[in-house]
PDB file of N, CA and C in Angstrom:
ATOM      1  N   MET A   1      57.418  51.466 117.159  1.00  0.00           N
ATOM      2  CA  MET A   1      57.717  51.890 115.819  1.00  0.00           C
ATOM      3  C   MET A   1      58.369  53.270 115.842  1.00  0.00           C
ATOM      4  N   ARG A   2      57.812  54.175 116.628  1.00  0.00           N
ATOM      5  CA  ARG A   2      58.375  55.530 116.720  1.00  0.00           C
ATOM      6  C   ARG A   2      59.780  55.486 117.329  1.00  0.00           C
ATOM      7  N   HIS A   3      59.982  54.614 118.300  1.00  0.00           N
ATOM      8  CA  HIS A   3      61.295  54.440 118.911  1.00  0.00           C
ATOM      9  C   HIS A   3      62.316  54.019 117.848  1.00  0.00           C
ATOM     10  N   SER A   4      61.944  53.088 117.010  1.00  0.00           N
ATOM     11  CA  SER A   4      62.836  52.631 115.947  1.00  0.00           C
ATOM     12  C   SER A   4      63.148  53.749 114.965  1.00  0.00           C
ATOM     13  N   LEU A   5      62.152  54.516 114.578  1.00  0.00           N
ATOM     14  CA  LEU A   5      62.369  55.625 113.655  1.00  0.00           C
ATOM     15  C   LEU A   5      63.331  56.655 114.249  1.00  0.00           C
ATOM     16  N   ARG A   6      63.134  56.976 115.530  1.00  0.00           N
ATOM     17  CA  ARG A   6      64.013  57.945 116.200  1.00  0.00           C
ATOM     18  C   ARG A   6      65.457  57.488 116.215  1.00  0.00           C
ATOM     19  N   HIS A   7      65.663  56.185 116.239  1.00  0.00           N
ATOM     20  CA  HIS A   7      67.021  55.646 116.301  1.00  0.00           C
ATOM     21  C   HIS A   7      67.565  55.218 114.933  1.00  0.00           C
ATOM     22  N   GLY A   8      66.906  55.639 113.864  1.00  0.00           N
ATOM     23  CA  GLY A   8      67.429  55.421 112.524  1.00  0.00           C
ATOM     24  C   GLY A   8      67.031  54.143 111.829  1.00  0.00           C
ATOM     25  N   PHE A   9      66.105  53.393 112.399  1.00  0.00           N
ATOM     26  CA  PHE A   9      65.633  52.163 111.757  1.00  0.00           C
ATOM     27  C   PHE A   9      64.344  52.483 111.003  1.00  0.00           C
ATOM     28  N   HIS A  10      64.492  52.759 109.717  1.00  0.00           N
ATOM     29  CA  HIS A  10      63.341  53.201 108.923  1.00  0.00           C
ATOM     30  C   HIS A  10      62.605  52.051 108.260  1.00  0.00           C
ATOM     31  N   GLN A  11      63.148  50.867 108.360  1.00  0.00           N
ATOM     32  CA  GLN A  11      62.499  49.701 107.762  1.00  0.00           C
ATOM     33  C   GLN A  11      61.857  48.880 108.878  1.00  0.00           C
ATOM     34  N   GLY A  12      60.664  48.407 108.629  1.00  0.00           N
ATOM     35  CA  GLY A  12      59.982  47.609 109.636  1.00  0.00           C
ATOM     36  C   GLY A  12      59.503  46.288 109.070  1.00  0.00           C
ATOM     37  N   TRP A  13      58.944  45.488 109.934  1.00  0.00           N
ATOM     38  CA  TRP A  13      58.452  44.181 109.526  1.00  0.00           C
ATOM     39  C   TRP A  13      56.975  44.063 109.896  1.00  0.00           C
ATOM     40  N   ASP A  14      56.128  44.439 108.954  1.00  0.00           N
ATOM     41  CA  ASP A  14      54.697  44.314 109.162  1.00  0.00           C
ATOM     42  C   ASP A  14      54.281  42.903 108.770  1.00  0.00           C
ATOM     43  N   LEU A  15      53.644  42.224 109.684  1.00  0.00           N
ATOM     44  CA  LEU A  15      53.303  40.837 109.443  1.00  0.00           C
ATOM     45  C   LEU A  15      51.870  40.641 108.960  1.00  0.00           C
ATOM     46  N   HIS A  16      51.079  41.660 109.090  1.00  0.00           N
ATOM     47  CA  HIS A  16      49.669  41.527 108.737  1.00  0.00           C
ATOM     48  C   HIS A  16      49.200  42.842 108.118  1.00  0.00           C
ATOM     49  N   PRO A  17      48.343  42.785 107.089  1.00  0.00           N
ATOM     50  CA  PRO A  17      47.859  44.011 106.460  1.00  0.00           C
ATOM     51  C   PRO A  17      47.178  44.967 107.436  1.00  0.00           C
ATOM     52  N   ALA A  18      46.629  44.468 108.521  1.00  0.00           N
ATOM     53  CA  ALA A  18      45.969  45.341 109.494  1.00  0.00           C
ATOM     54  C   ALA A  18      46.974  46.260 110.204  1.00  0.00           C
ATOM     55  N   GLN A  19      48.269  45.932 110.140  1.00  0.00           N
ATOM     56  CA  GLN A  19      49.285  46.764 110.773  1.00  0.00           C
ATOM     57  C   GLN A  19      49.685  47.960 109.913  1.00  0.00           C
ATOM     58  N   LEU A  20      49.373  47.931 108.637  1.00  0.00           N
ATOM     59  CA  LEU A  20      49.820  48.981 107.726  1.00  0.00           C
ATOM     60  C   LEU A  20      49.250  50.369 108.038  1.00  0.00           C
ATOM     61  N   PRO A  21      47.955  50.520 108.333  1.00  0.00           N
ATOM     62  CA  PRO A  21      47.460  51.873 108.629  1.00  0.00           C
ATOM     63  C   PRO A  21      48.179  52.532 109.805  1.00  0.00           C
ATOM     64  N   SER A  22      48.444  51.778 110.854  1.00  0.00           N
ATOM     65  CA  SER A  22      49.139  52.385 111.992  1.00  0.00           C
ATOM     66  C   SER A  22      50.588  52.703 111.631  1.00  0.00           C
ATOM     67  N   ARG A  23      51.219  51.892 110.778  1.00  0.00           N
ATOM     68  CA  ARG A  23      52.587  52.189 110.338  1.00  0.00           C
ATOM     69  C   ARG A  23      52.606  53.466 109.505  1.00  0.00           C
ATOM     70  N   PHE A  24      51.680  53.596 108.543  1.00  0.00           N
ATOM     71  CA  PHE A  24      51.638  54.796 107.714  1.00  0.00           C
ATOM     72  C   PHE A  24      51.416  56.036 108.572  1.00  0.00           C
ATOM     73  N   ALA A  25      50.483  55.965 109.494  1.00  0.00           N
ATOM     74  CA  ALA A  25      50.203  57.119 110.364  1.00  0.00           C
ATOM     75  C   ALA A  25      51.421  57.485 111.206  1.00  0.00           C
ATOM     76  N   THR A  26      52.107  56.506 111.725  1.00  0.00           N
ATOM     77  CA  THR A  26      53.289  56.776 112.552  1.00  0.00           C
ATOM     78  C   THR A  26      54.428  57.357 111.732  1.00  0.00           C
ATOM     79  N   VAL A  27      54.678  56.806 110.556  1.00  0.00           N
ATOM     80  CA  VAL A  27      55.751  57.311 109.703  1.00  0.00           C
ATOM     81  C   VAL A  27      55.448  58.742 109.265  1.00  0.00           C
ATOM     82  N   TYR A  28      54.218  59.015 108.845  1.00  0.00           N
ATOM     83  CA  TYR A  28      53.849  60.369 108.435  1.00  0.00           C
ATOM     84  C   TYR A  28      54.017  61.341 109.604  1.00  0.00           C
ATOM     85  N   ALA A  29      53.516  60.965 110.775  1.00  0.00           N
ATOM     86  CA  ALA A  29      53.630  61.850 111.946  1.00  0.00           C
ATOM     87  C   ALA A  29      55.094  62.093 112.299  1.00  0.00           C
ATOM     88  N   PHE A  30      55.915  61.052 112.228  1.00  0.00           N
ATOM     89  CA  PHE A  30      57.344  61.191 112.530  1.00  0.00           C
ATOM     90  C   PHE A  30      58.013  62.147 111.551  1.00  0.00           C
ATOM     91  N   LEU A  31      57.736  61.980 110.254  1.00  0.00           N
ATOM     92  CA  LEU A  31      58.374  62.819 109.247  1.00  0.00           C
ATOM     93  C   LEU A  31      57.856  64.255 109.260  1.00  0.00           C
ATOM     94  N   LEU A  32      56.602  64.449 109.626  1.00  0.00           N
ATOM     95  CA  LEU A  32      56.035  65.801 109.640  1.00  0.00           C
ATOM     96  C   LEU A  32      56.377  66.576 110.905  1.00  0.00           C
ATOM     97  N   ASP A  33      56.798  65.868 111.948  1.00  0.00           N
ATOM     98  CA  ASP A  33      57.157  66.525 113.205  1.00  0.00           C
ATOM     99  C   ASP A  33      58.373  67.425 112.982  1.00  0.00           C
ATOM    100  N   GLY A  34      58.186  68.716 113.121  1.00  0.00           N
ATOM    101  CA  GLY A  34      59.274  69.679 112.942  1.00  0.00           C
ATOM    102  C   GLY A  34      59.578  70.023 111.495  1.00  0.00           C
ATOM    103  N   MET A  35      58.716  69.626 110.551  1.00  0.00           N
ATOM    104  CA  MET A  35      58.982  69.854 109.135  1.00  0.00           C
ATOM    105  C   MET A  35      59.125  71.342 108.796  1.00  0.00           C
ATOM    106  N   GLU A  36      58.286  72.188 109.371  1.00  0.00           N
ATOM    107  CA  GLU A  36      58.372  73.621 109.060  1.00  0.00           C
ATOM    108  C   GLU A  36      59.722  74.186 109.479  1.00  0.00           C
ATOM    109  N   ASP A  37      60.228  73.754 110.634  1.00  0.00           N
ATOM    110  CA  ASP A  37      61.535  74.207 111.099  1.00  0.00           C
ATOM    111  C   ASP A  37      62.637  73.714 110.165  1.00  0.00           C
ATOM    112  N   MET A  38      62.541  72.459 109.730  1.00  0.00           N
ATOM    113  CA  MET A  38      63.541  71.921 108.810  1.00  0.00           C
ATOM    114  C   MET A  38      63.553  72.689 107.495  1.00  0.00           C
ATOM    115  N   LEU A  39      62.364  72.972 106.969  1.00  0.00           N
ATOM    116  CA  LEU A  39      62.285  73.727 105.714  1.00  0.00           C
ATOM    117  C   LEU A  39      62.865  75.126 105.887  1.00  0.00           C
ATOM    118  N   ALA A  40      62.579  75.762 107.031  1.00  0.00           N
ATOM    119  CA  ALA A  40      63.120  77.100 107.299  1.00  0.00           C
ATOM    120  C   ALA A  40      64.643  77.062 107.408  1.00  0.00           C
ATOM    121  N   ARG A  41      65.184  76.027 108.040  1.00  0.00           N
ATOM    122  CA  ARG A  41      66.642  75.911 108.164  1.00  0.00           C
ATOM    123  C   ARG A  41      67.294  75.695 106.801  1.00  0.00           C
ATOM    124  N   LEU A  42      66.659  74.903 105.939  1.00  0.00           N
ATOM    125  CA  LEU A  42      67.204  74.698 104.597  1.00  0.00           C
ATOM    126  C   LEU A  42      67.114  75.973 103.767  1.00  0.00           C
ATOM    127  N   ARG A  43      66.030  76.721 103.938  1.00  0.00           N
ATOM    128  CA  ARG A  43      65.911  77.998 103.223  1.00  0.00           C
ATOM    129  C   ARG A  43      67.000  78.960 103.680  1.00  0.00           C
ATOM    130  N   ALA A  44      67.256  79.018 104.981  1.00  0.00           N
ATOM    131  CA  ALA A  44      68.304  79.893 105.513  1.00  0.00           C
ATOM    132  C   ALA A  44      69.672  79.475 104.966  1.00  0.00           C
ATOM    133  N   TRP A  45      69.904  78.157 104.864  1.00  0.00           N
ATOM    134  CA  TRP A  45      71.162  77.677 104.303  1.00  0.00           C
ATOM    135  C   TRP A  45      71.299  78.122 102.856  1.00  0.00           C
ATOM    136  N   ARG A  46      70.235  77.983 102.095  1.00  0.00           N
ATOM    137  CA  ARG A  46      70.256  78.397 100.688  1.00  0.00           C
ATOM    138  C   ARG A  46      70.539  79.885 100.566  1.00  0.00           C
ATOM    139  N   ASP A  47      69.928  80.679 101.453  1.00  0.00           N
ATOM    140  CA  ASP A  47      70.103  82.133 101.424  1.00  0.00           C
ATOM    141  C   ASP A  47      71.384  82.588 102.110  1.00  0.00           C
ATOM    142  N   ARG A  48      72.108  81.627 102.732  1.00  0.00           N
ATOM    143  CA  ARG A  48      73.340  81.924 103.465  1.00  0.00           C
ATOM    144  C   ARG A  48      73.116  82.941 104.586  1.00  0.00           C
ATOM    145  N   THR A  49      72.028  82.696 105.306  1.00  0.00           N
ATOM    146  CA  THR A  49      71.694  83.539 106.459  1.00  0.00           C
ATOM    147  C   THR A  49      71.496  82.638 107.669  1.00  0.00           C
ATOM    148  N   PRO A  50      71.592  83.206 108.865  1.00  0.00           N
ATOM    149  CA  PRO A  50      71.306  82.385 110.054  1.00  0.00           C
ATOM    150  C   PRO A  50      69.867  81.880 110.028  1.00  0.00           C
ATOM    151  N   GLY A  51      69.676  80.666 110.444  1.00  0.00           N
ATOM    152  CA  GLY A  51      68.347  80.071 110.468  1.00  0.00           C
ATOM    153  C   GLY A  51      67.611  80.427 111.734  1.00  0.00           C
ATOM    154  N   PRO A  52      66.531  79.700 112.032  1.00  0.00           N
ATOM    155  CA  PRO A  52      65.779  79.935 113.256  1.00  0.00           C
ATOM    156  C   PRO A  52      66.706  79.846 114.472  1.00  0.00           C
ATOM    157  N   GLY A  53      66.620  80.813 115.342  1.00  0.00           N
ATOM    158  CA  GLY A  53      67.485  80.840 116.518  1.00  0.00           C
ATOM    159  C   GLY A  53      68.823  81.502 116.240  1.00  0.00           C
ATOM    160  N   GLY A  54      69.024  82.022 115.015  1.00  0.00           N
ATOM    161  CA  GLY A  54      70.258  82.724 114.687  1.00  0.00           C
ATOM    162  C   GLY A  54      71.455  81.819 114.472  1.00  0.00           C
ATOM    163  N   ILE A  55      71.214  80.551 114.151  1.00  0.00           N
ATOM    164  CA  ILE A  55      72.307  79.589 114.009  1.00  0.00           C
ATOM    165  C   ILE A  55      72.523  79.266 112.530  1.00  0.00           C
ATOM    166  N   LEU A  56      73.795  79.284 112.105  1.00  0.00           N
ATOM    167  CA  LEU A  56      74.125  78.868 110.745  1.00  0.00           C
ATOM    168  C   LEU A  56      74.107  77.343 110.671  1.00  0.00           C
ATOM    169  N   VAL A  57      73.690  76.824 109.541  1.00  0.00           N
ATOM    170  CA  VAL A  57      73.569  75.375 109.367  1.00  0.00           C
ATOM    171  C   VAL A  57      74.829  74.863 108.682  1.00  0.00           C
ATOM    172  N   GLU A  58      75.437  73.821 109.237  1.00  0.00           N
ATOM    173  CA  GLU A  58      76.655  73.247 108.665  1.00  0.00           C
ATOM    174  C   GLU A  58      76.299  72.205 107.605  1.00  0.00           C
ATOM    175  N   PRO A  59      77.246  71.873 106.709  1.00  0.00           N
ATOM    176  CA  PRO A  59      76.969  70.948 105.604  1.00  0.00           C
ATOM    177  C   PRO A  59      76.435  69.578 106.032  1.00  0.00           C
ATOM    178  N   ALA A  60      76.953  69.007 107.105  1.00  0.00           N
ATOM    179  CA  ALA A  60      76.468  67.687 107.533  1.00  0.00           C
ATOM    180  C   ALA A  60      75.008  67.764 107.965  1.00  0.00           C
ATOM    181  N   THR A  61      74.637  68.851 108.610  1.00  0.00           N
ATOM    182  CA  THR A  61      73.244  69.036 109.025  1.00  0.00           C
ATOM    183  C   THR A  61      72.357  69.221 107.808  1.00  0.00           C
ATOM    184  N   VAL A  62      72.851  69.941 106.806  1.00  0.00           N
ATOM    185  CA  VAL A  62      72.084  70.138 105.568  1.00  0.00           C
ATOM    186  C   VAL A  62      71.804  68.791 104.915  1.00  0.00           C
ATOM    187  N   ARG A  63      72.807  67.922 104.859  1.00  0.00           N
ATOM    188  CA  ARG A  63      72.590  66.591 104.261  1.00  0.00           C
ATOM    189  C   ARG A  63      71.535  65.805 105.034  1.00  0.00           C
ATOM    190  N   ALA A  64      71.577  65.867 106.356  1.00  0.00           N
ATOM    191  CA  ALA A  64      70.592  65.143 107.175  1.00  0.00           C
ATOM    192  C   ALA A  64      69.199  65.729 106.982  1.00  0.00           C
ATOM    193  N   LEU A  65      69.090  67.060 106.948  1.00  0.00           N
ATOM    194  CA  LEU A  65      67.784  67.696 106.744  1.00  0.00           C
ATOM    195  C   LEU A  65      67.231  67.366 105.367  1.00  0.00           C
ATOM    196  N   LEU A  66      68.093  67.420 104.342  1.00  0.00           N
ATOM    197  CA  LEU A  66      67.646  67.082 102.986  1.00  0.00           C
ATOM    198  C   LEU A  66      67.183  65.625 102.908  1.00  0.00           C
ATOM    199  N   ALA A  67      67.891  64.727 103.590  1.00  0.00           N
ATOM    200  CA  ALA A  67      67.498  63.313 103.574  1.00  0.00           C
ATOM    201  C   ALA A  67      66.120  63.133 104.192  1.00  0.00           C
ATOM    202  N   ARG A  68      65.861  63.839 105.277  1.00  0.00           N
ATOM    203  CA  ARG A  68      64.561  63.700 105.935  1.00  0.00           C
ATOM    204  C   ARG A  68      63.449  64.287 105.082  1.00  0.00           C
ATOM    205  N   VAL A  69      63.713  65.435 104.450  1.00  0.00           N
ATOM    206  CA  VAL A  69      62.701  66.039 103.567  1.00  0.00           C
ATOM    207  C   VAL A  69      62.456  65.128 102.373  1.00  0.00           C
ATOM    208  N   ARG A  70      63.537  64.575 101.802  1.00  0.00           N
ATOM    209  CA  ARG A  70      63.369  63.641 100.669  1.00  0.00           C
ATOM    210  C   ARG A  70      62.541  62.434 101.072  1.00  0.00           C
ATOM    211  N   ARG A  71      62.803  61.889 102.259  1.00  0.00           N
ATOM    212  CA  ARG A  71      62.032  60.738 102.747  1.00  0.00           C
ATOM    213  C   ARG A  71      60.550  61.101 102.842  1.00  0.00           C
ATOM    214  N   ALA A  72      60.267  62.310 103.340  1.00  0.00           N
ATOM    215  CA  ALA A  72      58.874  62.749 103.477  1.00  0.00           C
ATOM    216  C   ALA A  72      58.212  62.901 102.108  1.00  0.00           C
ATOM    217  N   VAL A  73      58.962  63.408 101.141  1.00  0.00           N
ATOM    218  CA  VAL A  73      58.416  63.556  99.783  1.00  0.00           C
ATOM    219  C   VAL A  73      58.190  62.183  99.160  1.00  0.00           C
ATOM    220  N   GLU A  74      59.159  61.289  99.293  1.00  0.00           N
ATOM    221  CA  GLU A  74      59.065  59.971  98.662  1.00  0.00           C
ATOM    222  C   GLU A  74      57.932  59.119  99.212  1.00  0.00           C
ATOM    223  N   CYS A  75      57.588  59.298 100.493  1.00  0.00           N
ATOM    224  CA  CYS A  75      56.491  58.480 101.033  1.00  0.00           C
ATOM    225  C   CYS A  75      55.137  59.186 100.899  1.00  0.00           C
ATOM    226  N   GLY A  76      55.141  60.448 100.475  1.00  0.00           N
ATOM    227  CA  GLY A  76      53.889  61.151 100.259  1.00  0.00           C
ATOM    228  C   GLY A  76      53.414  61.994 101.431  1.00  0.00           C
ATOM    229  N   ALA A  77      54.216  62.105 102.487  1.00  0.00           N
ATOM    230  CA  ALA A  77      53.828  62.926 103.636  1.00  0.00           C
ATOM    231  C   ALA A  77      53.854  64.409 103.280  1.00  0.00           C
ATOM    232  N   VAL A  78      54.735  64.782 102.352  1.00  0.00           N
ATOM    233  CA  VAL A  78      54.873  66.161 101.878  1.00  0.00           C
ATOM    234  C   VAL A  78      54.970  66.088 100.366  1.00  0.00           C
ATOM    235  N   THR A  79      54.355  67.022  99.674  1.00  0.00           N
ATOM    236  CA  THR A  79      54.493  67.047  98.219  1.00  0.00           C
ATOM    237  C   THR A  79      55.804  67.723  97.850  1.00  0.00           C
ATOM    238  N   GLU A  80      56.290  67.411  96.667  1.00  0.00           N
ATOM    239  CA  GLU A  80      57.529  68.042  96.208  1.00  0.00           C
ATOM    240  C   GLU A  80      57.345  69.550  96.080  1.00  0.00           C
ATOM    241  N   GLN A  81      56.151  69.987  95.692  1.00  0.00           N
ATOM    242  CA  GLN A  81      55.882  71.412  95.574  1.00  0.00           C
ATOM    243  C   GLN A  81      55.981  72.098  96.946  1.00  0.00           C
ATOM    244  N   GLU A  82      55.472  71.445  97.991  1.00  0.00           N
ATOM    245  CA  GLU A  82      55.575  72.002  99.343  1.00  0.00           C
ATOM    246  C   GLU A  82      57.027  72.091  99.783  1.00  0.00           C
ATOM    247  N   ALA A  83      57.800  71.070  99.470  1.00  0.00           N
ATOM    248  CA  ALA A  83      59.218  71.068  99.839  1.00  0.00           C
ATOM    249  C   ALA A  83      59.968  72.164  99.092  1.00  0.00           C
ATOM    250  N   ARG A  84      59.690  72.317  97.802  1.00  0.00           N
ATOM    251  CA  ARG A  84      60.352  73.369  97.026  1.00  0.00           C
ATOM    252  C   ARG A  84      59.949  74.749  97.521  1.00  0.00           C
ATOM    253  N   ALA A  85      58.668  74.928  97.809  1.00  0.00           N
ATOM    254  CA  ALA A  85      58.208  76.235  98.291  1.00  0.00           C
ATOM    255  C   ALA A  85      58.780  76.562  99.668  1.00  0.00           C
ATOM    256  N   GLY A  86      58.879  75.567 100.523  1.00  0.00           N
ATOM    257  CA  GLY A  86      59.381  75.795 101.877  1.00  0.00           C
ATOM    258  C   GLY A  86      60.867  76.058 101.946  1.00  0.00           C
ATOM    259  N   THR A  87      61.633  75.441 101.032  1.00  0.00           N
ATOM    260  CA  THR A  87      63.088  75.570 101.075  1.00  0.00           C
ATOM    261  C   THR A  87      63.634  76.577 100.082  1.00  0.00           C
ATOM    262  N   GLY A  88      62.893  76.804  98.997  1.00  0.00           N
ATOM    263  CA  GLY A  88      63.408  77.652  97.936  1.00  0.00           C
ATOM    264  C   GLY A  88      64.369  76.913  97.020  1.00  0.00           C
ATOM    265  N   LEU A  89      64.527  75.605  97.239  1.00  0.00           N
ATOM    266  CA  LEU A  89      65.416  74.795  96.412  1.00  0.00           C
ATOM    267  C   LEU A  89      64.643  74.199  95.250  1.00  0.00           C
ATOM    268  N   ASP A  90      65.324  73.961  94.124  1.00  0.00           N
ATOM    269  CA  ASP A  90      64.641  73.313  93.010  1.00  0.00           C
ATOM    270  C   ASP A  90      64.729  71.789  93.179  1.00  0.00           C
ATOM    271  N   THR A  91      64.116  71.073  92.269  1.00  0.00           N
ATOM    272  CA  THR A  91      64.035  69.620  92.384  1.00  0.00           C
ATOM    273  C   THR A  91      65.419  68.979  92.422  1.00  0.00           C
ATOM    274  N   ALA A  92      66.331  69.436  91.573  1.00  0.00           N
ATOM    275  CA  ALA A  92      67.677  68.855  91.551  1.00  0.00           C
ATOM    276  C   ALA A  92      68.406  69.100  92.869  1.00  0.00           C
ATOM    277  N   GLU A  93      68.266  70.277  93.437  1.00  0.00           N
ATOM    278  CA  GLU A  93      68.923  70.591  94.708  1.00  0.00           C
ATOM    279  C   GLU A  93      68.349  69.765  95.846  1.00  0.00           C
ATOM    280  N   LEU A  94      67.059  69.473  95.801  1.00  0.00           N
ATOM    281  CA  LEU A  94      66.451  68.643  96.841  1.00  0.00           C
ATOM    282  C   LEU A  94      66.978  67.211  96.787  1.00  0.00           C
ATOM    283  N   ARG A  95      67.439  66.773  95.626  1.00  0.00           N
ATOM    284  CA  ARG A  95      67.896  65.397  95.461  1.00  0.00           C
ATOM    285  C   ARG A  95      69.402  65.236  95.640  1.00  0.00           C
ATOM    286  N   ILE A  96      70.122  66.290  96.006  1.00  0.00           N
ATOM    287  CA  ILE A  96      71.570  66.209  96.220  1.00  0.00           C
ATOM    288  C   ILE A  96      71.834  65.199  97.330  1.00  0.00           C
ATOM    289  N   ARG A  97      72.743  64.316  97.101  1.00  0.00           N
ATOM    290  CA  ARG A  97      73.084  63.290  98.101  1.00  0.00           C
ATOM    291  C   ARG A  97      74.194  63.787  98.981  1.00  0.00           C
TER     292      ARG A  97
END
């Protein structure tokens, strides 16, 4: 399951209700892995300053980071308030496609 998530396959095929707890735990762990760094990079982008490691974030990376944060918010791994506090972005900015 983690292998599939790493390669961009976010949809799975659970055949039995007993598989759901392990799927939820894996998805949450996958989305939370590196979340603080992602939030810091988005905050740096918003502030137009270099992010962690002194690197500026490009627009394509911002879209990918926002998509991952949105996925975490939508599945409940992170609250919208945590995402807003971590990035400094408002709700509308978090939903930019």
